[in-house]
Amino acid sequence: MQRIVLLLATALAFATLAPAQRDYTGPRPPKPDVPYLMHADTLVETEASEAREESRKSESVYSIAGATSTARTPLAEPIFLFLSDKISPDSLGIFRLEVKGGSRQVVLSKKKRDAHTLRLSATRLADKLYRIEVNEGMGLPVGEYSLTPEGSNQVFCFAVY
């Protein structure tokens, strides 16, 4: 009987230790509320800007100055590190931008919910630190993209090349 109690106590001790995760030791973003592209141990700050909104009959056009982003990645499945302060990582959506007339833009219909938002997943690494990944199966095709908090015209742009 004493042996069974000892075995149960040992199993319980190991069960409580198993879920414990190691502390995150990788790079950390220097600024909060700005997504950083992760390239091994190097972080590349996304291009922070404000999209200009123009309303048309049945759509809204959001434009960002410049034909290409200064933040670039060769990765079709980019990974971002995000230190959350005021922006929740769960509020971020990603949009593919079209280049027209020297600016980048996305057109959204007012009548129906567009499926322009691509899928993201956020994993907590440490207190307020998140790893954000694009979940689009085959990855993102070459082009211009924007991470945008829901309900905001704030944009964090990057290019996949």
N, C-alpha and C. Protein backbone atom coordinates (compact mmCIF):
# COMPACT_ATOMS: atom_id res chain seq x y z
N MET A 1 0.82 -1.19 0.00
CA MET A 1 0.00 0.00 0.00
C MET A 1 0.86 1.26 0.00
N GLN A 2 1.92 1.21 0.78
CA GLN A 2 2.82 2.36 0.86
C GLN A 2 3.48 2.60 -0.49
N ARG A 3 3.79 1.55 -1.20
CA ARG A 3 4.41 1.65 -2.52
C ARG A 3 3.46 2.32 -3.52
N ILE A 4 2.17 1.99 -3.47
CA ILE A 4 1.16 2.58 -4.36
C ILE A 4 1.05 4.08 -4.08
N VAL A 5 1.03 4.46 -2.80
CA VAL A 5 0.94 5.87 -2.43
C VAL A 5 2.18 6.61 -2.95
N LEU A 6 3.35 6.01 -2.84
CA LEU A 6 4.60 6.62 -3.32
C LEU A 6 4.57 6.78 -4.84
N LEU A 7 4.08 5.76 -5.55
CA LEU A 7 3.97 5.85 -7.00
C LEU A 7 2.97 6.94 -7.42
N LEU A 8 1.84 7.02 -6.74
CA LEU A 8 0.85 8.06 -7.05
C LEU A 8 1.41 9.45 -6.77
N ALA A 9 2.13 9.61 -5.68
CA ALA A 9 2.73 10.91 -5.35
C ALA A 9 3.77 11.30 -6.39
N THR A 10 4.57 10.35 -6.84
CA THR A 10 5.58 10.62 -7.88
C THR A 10 4.91 10.98 -9.20
N ALA A 11 3.86 10.25 -9.57
CA ALA A 11 3.14 10.55 -10.82
C ALA A 11 2.51 11.93 -10.76
N LEU A 12 1.95 12.29 -9.61
CA LEU A 12 1.34 13.60 -9.43
C LEU A 12 2.40 14.71 -9.54
N ALA A 13 3.56 14.48 -8.99
CA ALA A 13 4.65 15.48 -9.06
C ALA A 13 5.07 15.69 -10.50
N PHE A 14 5.23 14.64 -11.27
CA PHE A 14 5.60 14.76 -12.67
C PHE A 14 4.48 15.40 -13.50
N ALA A 15 3.25 15.10 -13.18
CA ALA A 15 2.11 15.67 -13.92
C ALA A 15 2.04 17.18 -13.72
N THR A 16 2.37 17.66 -12.54
CA THR A 16 2.34 19.11 -12.31
C THR A 16 3.51 19.81 -12.95
N LEU A 17 4.62 19.12 -13.16
CA LEU A 17 5.78 19.73 -13.81
C LEU A 17 5.66 19.72 -15.33
N ALA A 18 4.96 18.76 -15.89
CA ALA A 18 4.87 18.62 -17.34
C ALA A 18 4.31 19.84 -18.05
N PRO A 19 3.23 20.46 -17.57
CA PRO A 19 2.68 21.61 -18.29
C PRO A 19 3.55 22.87 -18.21
N ALA A 20 4.48 22.91 -17.26
CA ALA A 20 5.31 24.11 -17.13
C ALA A 20 6.14 24.32 -18.40
N GLN A 21 6.08 25.55 -18.93
CA GLN A 21 6.84 25.87 -20.13
C GLN A 21 8.09 26.64 -19.75
N ARG A 22 9.07 26.53 -20.60
CA ARG A 22 10.29 27.30 -20.38
C ARG A 22 10.01 28.77 -20.66
N ASP A 23 10.80 29.62 -20.06
CA ASP A 23 10.70 31.04 -20.35
C ASP A 23 11.21 31.30 -21.75
N TYR A 24 10.56 32.22 -22.45
CA TYR A 24 10.96 32.59 -23.81
C TYR A 24 12.30 33.32 -23.74
N THR A 25 13.26 32.88 -24.57
CA THR A 25 14.60 33.47 -24.54
C THR A 25 15.00 34.10 -25.87
N GLY A 26 14.08 34.14 -26.83
CA GLY A 26 14.40 34.69 -28.15
C GLY A 26 14.39 36.21 -28.17
N PRO A 27 14.47 36.78 -29.36
CA PRO A 27 14.47 38.25 -29.48
C PRO A 27 13.14 38.85 -29.04
N ARG A 28 13.19 40.10 -28.59
CA ARG A 28 11.98 40.81 -28.14
C ARG A 28 11.84 42.10 -28.92
N PRO A 29 10.61 42.43 -29.32
CA PRO A 29 10.38 43.69 -30.04
C PRO A 29 10.76 44.89 -29.16
N PRO A 30 11.45 45.87 -29.74
CA PRO A 30 11.82 47.05 -28.95
C PRO A 30 10.65 47.99 -28.70
N LYS A 31 9.60 47.95 -29.53
CA LYS A 31 8.44 48.84 -29.37
C LYS A 31 7.18 48.01 -29.18
N PRO A 32 6.28 48.45 -28.27
CA PRO A 32 5.00 47.74 -28.14
C PRO A 32 4.05 48.13 -29.26
N ASP A 33 3.10 47.27 -29.51
CA ASP A 33 2.01 47.50 -30.48
C ASP A 33 2.49 47.70 -31.91
N VAL A 34 3.64 47.14 -32.25
CA VAL A 34 4.16 47.14 -33.62
C VAL A 34 4.58 45.71 -33.94
N PRO A 35 3.99 45.08 -34.96
CA PRO A 35 4.42 43.73 -35.34
C PRO A 35 5.81 43.78 -35.99
N TYR A 36 6.63 42.81 -35.65
CA TYR A 36 7.97 42.68 -36.22
C TYR A 36 8.06 41.36 -36.97
N LEU A 37 8.54 41.41 -38.19
CA LEU A 37 8.81 40.19 -38.95
C LEU A 37 9.98 39.48 -38.29
N MET A 38 9.87 38.18 -38.13
CA MET A 38 10.93 37.41 -37.50
C MET A 38 11.74 36.70 -38.57
N HIS A 39 13.01 37.04 -38.66
CA HIS A 39 13.96 36.38 -39.56
C HIS A 39 15.04 35.78 -38.68
N ALA A 40 14.88 34.53 -38.28
CA ALA A 40 15.77 33.85 -37.34
C ALA A 40 15.80 34.69 -36.05
N ASP A 41 16.95 35.21 -35.65
CA ASP A 41 17.05 36.03 -34.44
C ASP A 41 16.99 37.52 -34.73
N THR A 42 16.71 37.89 -35.97
CA THR A 42 16.63 39.29 -36.36
C THR A 42 15.16 39.68 -36.50
N LEU A 43 14.84 40.86 -35.99
CA LEU A 43 13.47 41.37 -36.11
C LEU A 43 13.46 42.55 -37.07
N VAL A 44 12.49 42.54 -37.99
CA VAL A 44 12.33 43.62 -38.97
C VAL A 44 11.01 44.31 -38.66
N GLU A 45 11.09 45.61 -38.33
CA GLU A 45 9.90 46.38 -37.99
C GLU A 45 9.01 46.55 -39.22
N THR A 46 7.72 46.28 -39.07
CA THR A 46 6.78 46.53 -40.17
C THR A 46 6.62 48.03 -40.35
N GLU A 47 6.17 48.43 -41.53
CA GLU A 47 5.98 49.84 -41.86
C GLU A 47 4.66 50.32 -41.27
N ALA A 48 4.73 51.14 -40.22
CA ALA A 48 3.53 51.64 -39.56
C ALA A 48 3.04 52.89 -40.29
N SER A 49 1.73 52.94 -40.53
CA SER A 49 1.13 54.06 -41.25
C SER A 49 -0.35 54.14 -40.91
N GLU A 50 -1.02 55.12 -41.49
CA GLU A 50 -2.46 55.27 -41.36
C GLU A 50 -3.05 55.19 -42.76
N ALA A 51 -4.02 54.31 -42.96
CA ALA A 51 -4.67 54.19 -44.26
C ALA A 51 -5.68 55.32 -44.44
N ARG A 52 -5.70 55.88 -45.63
CA ARG A 52 -6.67 56.92 -45.97
C ARG A 52 -7.92 56.23 -46.50
N GLU A 53 -9.06 56.55 -45.90
CA GLU A 53 -10.32 55.91 -46.29
C GLU A 53 -11.09 56.81 -47.24
N GLU A 54 -11.57 56.20 -48.32
CA GLU A 54 -12.42 56.92 -49.29
C GLU A 54 -13.68 56.09 -49.49
N SER A 55 -14.82 56.72 -49.26
CA SER A 55 -16.10 56.02 -49.42
C SER A 55 -16.62 56.22 -50.83
N ARG A 56 -17.06 55.14 -51.42
CA ARG A 56 -17.72 55.16 -52.72
C ARG A 56 -19.12 54.61 -52.53
N LYS A 57 -19.88 54.48 -53.63
CA LYS A 57 -21.27 54.02 -53.53
C LYS A 57 -21.45 52.82 -52.61
N SER A 58 -20.89 51.71 -52.98
CA SER A 58 -21.12 50.49 -52.21
C SER A 58 -19.82 49.90 -51.66
N GLU A 59 -18.77 50.71 -51.60
CA GLU A 59 -17.49 50.18 -51.12
C GLU A 59 -16.66 51.26 -50.45
N SER A 60 -15.70 50.80 -49.69
CA SER A 60 -14.72 51.69 -49.07
C SER A 60 -13.35 51.30 -49.60
N VAL A 61 -12.56 52.31 -49.96
CA VAL A 61 -11.20 52.07 -50.45
C VAL A 61 -10.24 52.61 -49.40
N TYR A 62 -9.33 51.77 -48.96
CA TYR A 62 -8.31 52.16 -47.99
C TYR A 62 -6.98 52.21 -48.73
N SER A 63 -6.30 53.39 -48.71
CA SER A 63 -5.07 53.58 -49.47
C SER A 63 -3.91 53.91 -48.54
N ILE A 64 -2.73 53.41 -48.90
CA ILE A 64 -1.49 53.67 -48.18
C ILE A 64 -0.50 54.22 -49.20
N ALA A 65 0.15 55.32 -48.87
CA ALA A 65 1.10 55.96 -49.79
C ALA A 65 2.28 55.03 -50.08
N GLY A 66 2.76 55.09 -51.32
CA GLY A 66 3.93 54.31 -51.73
C GLY A 66 3.54 53.01 -52.40
N ALA A 67 4.32 52.63 -53.38
CA ALA A 67 4.03 51.42 -54.16
C ALA A 67 4.50 50.14 -53.48
N THR A 68 5.45 50.25 -52.56
CA THR A 68 5.95 49.06 -51.89
C THR A 68 6.36 49.39 -50.46
N SER A 69 6.33 48.40 -49.62
CA SER A 69 6.67 48.58 -48.21
C SER A 69 8.19 48.53 -48.01
N THR A 70 8.64 49.23 -46.99
CA THR A 70 10.06 49.19 -46.62
C THR A 70 10.39 47.91 -45.86
N ALA A 71 9.39 47.27 -45.26
CA ALA A 71 9.59 46.00 -44.55
C ALA A 71 9.34 44.87 -45.54
N ARG A 72 10.35 44.03 -45.73
CA ARG A 72 10.24 42.98 -46.75
C ARG A 72 10.69 41.63 -46.18
N THR A 73 10.05 40.57 -46.67
CA THR A 73 10.43 39.23 -46.25
C THR A 73 10.38 38.27 -47.44
N PRO A 74 11.32 37.32 -47.50
CA PRO A 74 11.25 36.30 -48.54
C PRO A 74 10.35 35.13 -48.13
N LEU A 75 9.85 35.16 -46.91
CA LEU A 75 9.08 34.04 -46.37
C LEU A 75 7.61 34.10 -46.78
N ALA A 76 7.12 33.03 -47.38
CA ALA A 76 5.71 32.96 -47.79
C ALA A 76 4.79 32.76 -46.58
N GLU A 77 5.34 32.26 -45.49
CA GLU A 77 4.59 32.08 -44.26
C GLU A 77 5.28 32.87 -43.16
N PRO A 78 5.15 34.20 -43.21
CA PRO A 78 5.87 35.03 -42.24
C PRO A 78 5.40 34.82 -40.81
N ILE A 79 6.34 35.01 -39.90
CA ILE A 79 6.06 34.94 -38.47
C ILE A 79 6.37 36.31 -37.90
N PHE A 80 5.49 36.80 -37.03
CA PHE A 80 5.65 38.10 -36.42
C PHE A 80 5.78 37.94 -34.92
N LEU A 81 6.58 38.81 -34.31
CA LEU A 81 6.59 38.94 -32.86
C LEU A 81 5.88 40.24 -32.53
N PHE A 82 5.04 40.19 -31.52
CA PHE A 82 4.19 41.34 -31.20
C PHE A 82 4.14 41.51 -29.69
N LEU A 83 4.56 42.68 -29.22
CA LEU A 83 4.49 43.03 -27.81
C LEU A 83 3.23 43.87 -27.62
N SER A 84 2.23 43.29 -26.99
CA SER A 84 0.92 43.91 -26.87
C SER A 84 0.87 44.86 -25.68
N ASP A 85 0.43 46.10 -25.95
CA ASP A 85 0.19 47.06 -24.88
C ASP A 85 -1.25 47.55 -25.01
N LYS A 86 -1.54 48.29 -26.08
CA LYS A 86 -2.88 48.81 -26.31
C LYS A 86 -3.65 48.02 -27.37
N ILE A 87 -2.94 47.33 -28.25
CA ILE A 87 -3.58 46.56 -29.33
C ILE A 87 -3.57 45.08 -28.96
N SER A 88 -4.73 44.45 -29.02
CA SER A 88 -4.82 43.02 -28.76
C SER A 88 -4.37 42.25 -30.00
N PRO A 89 -3.55 41.23 -29.84
CA PRO A 89 -3.12 40.45 -31.01
C PRO A 89 -4.29 39.76 -31.71
N ASP A 90 -5.35 39.47 -30.97
CA ASP A 90 -6.53 38.83 -31.56
C ASP A 90 -7.32 39.78 -32.45
N SER A 91 -7.08 41.08 -32.33
CA SER A 91 -7.81 42.05 -33.16
C SER A 91 -7.15 42.26 -34.52
N LEU A 92 -5.95 41.71 -34.72
CA LEU A 92 -5.23 41.92 -35.98
C LEU A 92 -5.78 41.05 -37.10
N GLY A 93 -5.95 41.66 -38.25
CA GLY A 93 -6.31 40.94 -39.47
C GLY A 93 -5.27 41.26 -40.52
N ILE A 94 -5.15 40.43 -41.52
CA ILE A 94 -4.16 40.68 -42.58
C ILE A 94 -4.89 40.78 -43.92
N PHE A 95 -4.52 41.78 -44.70
CA PHE A 95 -5.12 42.03 -46.00
C PHE A 95 -4.05 42.04 -47.07
N ARG A 96 -4.39 41.51 -48.22
CA ARG A 96 -3.51 41.64 -49.39
C ARG A 96 -3.85 42.97 -50.05
N LEU A 97 -2.83 43.74 -50.40
CA LEU A 97 -3.01 45.06 -51.00
C LEU A 97 -2.71 45.00 -52.49
N GLU A 98 -3.45 45.81 -53.23
CA GLU A 98 -3.19 45.96 -54.67
C GLU A 98 -2.45 47.26 -54.88
N VAL A 99 -1.50 47.26 -55.80
CA VAL A 99 -0.76 48.48 -56.12
C VAL A 99 -1.44 49.15 -57.31
N LYS A 100 -1.90 50.39 -57.08
CA LYS A 100 -2.56 51.16 -58.14
C LYS A 100 -2.14 52.62 -58.02
N GLY A 101 -1.70 53.19 -59.12
CA GLY A 101 -1.35 54.61 -59.15
C GLY A 101 -0.32 55.03 -58.12
N GLY A 102 0.64 54.19 -57.84
CA GLY A 102 1.71 54.54 -56.90
C GLY A 102 1.35 54.39 -55.44
N SER A 103 0.18 53.81 -55.15
CA SER A 103 -0.18 53.55 -53.75
C SER A 103 -0.69 52.12 -53.61
N ARG A 104 -0.75 51.68 -52.39
CA ARG A 104 -1.28 50.35 -52.08
C ARG A 104 -2.69 50.53 -51.54
N GLN A 105 -3.59 49.65 -51.95
CA GLN A 105 -4.97 49.80 -51.50
C GLN A 105 -5.70 48.47 -51.40
N VAL A 106 -6.77 48.51 -50.61
CA VAL A 106 -7.69 47.39 -50.51
C VAL A 106 -9.09 47.97 -50.62
N VAL A 107 -9.96 47.28 -51.36
CA VAL A 107 -11.34 47.71 -51.56
C VAL A 107 -12.24 46.73 -50.82
N LEU A 108 -13.10 47.28 -49.94
CA LEU A 108 -14.02 46.46 -49.17
C LEU A 108 -15.46 46.88 -49.47
N SER A 109 -16.32 45.90 -49.66
CA SER A 109 -17.73 46.15 -49.94
C SER A 109 -18.45 46.57 -48.67
N LYS A 110 -19.34 47.56 -48.77
CA LYS A 110 -20.14 48.00 -47.63
C LYS A 110 -21.35 47.09 -47.43
N LYS A 111 -21.82 46.48 -48.51
CA LYS A 111 -23.04 45.68 -48.46
C LYS A 111 -22.84 44.32 -47.81
N LYS A 112 -21.74 43.68 -48.09
CA LYS A 112 -21.51 42.34 -47.54
C LYS A 112 -20.13 42.27 -46.91
N ARG A 113 -20.01 41.36 -45.99
CA ARG A 113 -18.72 41.15 -45.35
C ARG A 113 -17.79 40.48 -46.35
N ASP A 114 -16.67 41.12 -46.59
CA ASP A 114 -15.71 40.56 -47.54
C ASP A 114 -14.86 39.49 -46.87
N ALA A 115 -14.41 38.56 -47.67
CA ALA A 115 -13.52 37.52 -47.19
C ALA A 115 -12.07 37.91 -47.51
N HIS A 116 -11.79 39.23 -47.50
CA HIS A 116 -10.44 39.70 -47.80
C HIS A 116 -9.45 39.44 -46.67
N THR A 117 -9.96 39.27 -45.46
CA THR A 117 -9.07 39.04 -44.33
C THR A 117 -8.52 37.63 -44.40
N LEU A 118 -7.20 37.52 -44.27
CA LEU A 118 -6.55 36.22 -44.26
C LEU A 118 -6.45 35.74 -42.81
N ARG A 119 -6.26 34.46 -42.62
CA ARG A 119 -6.25 33.89 -41.28
C ARG A 119 -4.90 34.07 -40.58
N LEU A 120 -4.99 34.40 -39.29
CA LEU A 120 -3.82 34.53 -38.43
C LEU A 120 -4.05 33.71 -37.17
N SER A 121 -2.97 33.29 -36.54
CA SER A 121 -3.08 32.68 -35.22
C SER A 121 -2.05 33.35 -34.31
N ALA A 122 -2.44 33.57 -33.06
CA ALA A 122 -1.55 34.21 -32.08
C ALA A 122 -1.27 33.22 -30.95
N THR A 123 0.00 33.08 -30.61
CA THR A 123 0.43 32.20 -29.53
C THR A 123 1.16 33.03 -28.49
N ARG A 124 0.74 32.93 -27.26
CA ARG A 124 1.38 33.69 -26.18
C ARG A 124 2.73 33.04 -25.85
N LEU A 125 3.80 33.85 -25.87
CA LEU A 125 5.14 33.36 -25.55
C LEU A 125 5.57 33.75 -24.14
N ALA A 126 5.15 34.93 -23.73
CA ALA A 126 5.47 35.47 -22.40
C ALA A 126 4.43 36.55 -22.10
N ASP A 127 4.56 37.20 -20.96
CA ASP A 127 3.63 38.25 -20.60
C ASP A 127 3.60 39.32 -21.68
N LYS A 128 2.46 39.50 -22.33
CA LYS A 128 2.22 40.48 -23.39
C LYS A 128 3.02 40.25 -24.67
N LEU A 129 3.76 39.16 -24.79
CA LEU A 129 4.54 38.85 -25.99
C LEU A 129 3.88 37.70 -26.74
N TYR A 130 3.64 37.92 -28.05
CA TYR A 130 2.94 36.94 -28.87
C TYR A 130 3.68 36.64 -30.16
N ARG A 131 3.52 35.42 -30.61
CA ARG A 131 4.00 34.98 -31.92
C ARG A 131 2.75 34.91 -32.80
N ILE A 132 2.77 35.68 -33.90
CA ILE A 132 1.63 35.72 -34.81
C ILE A 132 2.04 35.06 -36.11
N GLU A 133 1.24 34.10 -36.56
CA GLU A 133 1.55 33.37 -37.79
C GLU A 133 0.40 33.46 -38.78
N VAL A 134 0.76 33.47 -40.04
CA VAL A 134 -0.21 33.47 -41.12
C VAL A 134 -0.58 32.01 -41.40
N ASN A 135 -1.88 31.72 -41.44
CA ASN A 135 -2.37 30.35 -41.67
C ASN A 135 -3.10 30.29 -43.00
N GLU A 136 -2.39 30.29 -44.07
CA GLU A 136 -3.02 30.28 -45.39
C GLU A 136 -2.59 29.08 -46.23
N GLY A 137 -2.37 27.96 -45.60
CA GLY A 137 -2.08 26.73 -46.33
C GLY A 137 -0.82 26.78 -47.16
N MET A 138 -0.91 27.27 -48.37
CA MET A 138 0.23 27.33 -49.28
C MET A 138 1.09 28.57 -49.06
N GLY A 139 0.77 29.37 -48.08
CA GLY A 139 1.52 30.58 -47.81
C GLY A 139 0.99 31.76 -48.61
N LEU A 140 1.64 32.90 -48.43
CA LEU A 140 1.23 34.11 -49.12
C LEU A 140 1.97 34.24 -50.44
N PRO A 141 1.27 34.57 -51.51
CA PRO A 141 1.96 34.82 -52.77
C PRO A 141 2.75 36.13 -52.69
N VAL A 142 3.69 36.30 -53.58
CA VAL A 142 4.47 37.53 -53.64
C VAL A 142 3.51 38.71 -53.75
N GLY A 143 3.76 39.75 -52.95
CA GLY A 143 2.89 40.92 -53.00
C GLY A 143 3.00 41.78 -51.76
N GLU A 144 2.10 42.75 -51.67
CA GLU A 144 2.05 43.71 -50.58
C GLU A 144 0.93 43.32 -49.62
N TYR A 145 1.18 43.49 -48.31
CA TYR A 145 0.23 43.08 -47.28
C TYR A 145 0.19 44.10 -46.15
N SER A 146 -0.89 44.03 -45.38
CA SER A 146 -1.06 44.92 -44.23
C SER A 146 -1.69 44.16 -43.07
N LEU A 147 -1.10 44.29 -41.91
CA LEU A 147 -1.73 43.85 -40.66
C LEU A 147 -2.48 45.06 -40.12
N THR A 148 -3.75 44.87 -39.75
CA THR A 148 -4.58 45.99 -39.33
C THR A 148 -5.42 45.59 -38.13
N PRO A 149 -5.41 46.40 -37.05
CA PRO A 149 -6.32 46.13 -35.94
C PRO A 149 -7.77 46.37 -36.37
N GLU A 150 -8.66 45.51 -35.93
CA GLU A 150 -10.08 45.61 -36.29
C GLU A 150 -10.64 46.97 -35.87
N GLY A 151 -11.38 47.60 -36.79
CA GLY A 151 -12.02 48.86 -36.51
C GLY A 151 -11.09 50.06 -36.51
N SER A 152 -9.91 49.91 -37.12
CA SER A 152 -8.91 50.98 -37.12
C SER A 152 -8.37 51.19 -38.53
N ASN A 153 -7.88 52.38 -38.81
CA ASN A 153 -7.21 52.65 -40.09
C ASN A 153 -5.69 52.57 -39.93
N GLN A 154 -5.25 52.17 -38.75
CA GLN A 154 -3.82 51.97 -38.52
C GLN A 154 -3.39 50.72 -39.28
N VAL A 155 -2.25 50.80 -39.97
CA VAL A 155 -1.77 49.66 -40.75
C VAL A 155 -0.30 49.40 -40.45
N PHE A 156 0.09 48.15 -40.57
CA PHE A 156 1.47 47.72 -40.42
C PHE A 156 1.78 46.91 -41.69
N CYS A 157 2.49 47.55 -42.63
CA CYS A 157 2.68 46.96 -43.96
C CYS A 157 3.98 46.19 -44.07
N PHE A 158 3.96 45.22 -44.99
CA PHE A 158 5.15 44.44 -45.33
C PHE A 158 4.95 43.85 -46.72
N ALA A 159 6.04 43.45 -47.32
CA ALA A 159 5.99 42.86 -48.66
C ALA A 159 6.62 41.47 -48.61
N VAL A 160 6.02 40.54 -49.33
CA VAL A 160 6.60 39.21 -49.55
C VAL A 160 7.20 39.25 -50.96
N TYR A 161 8.50 38.93 -51.06
CA TYR A 161 9.14 38.97 -52.37
C TYR A 161 9.68 37.62 -52.79
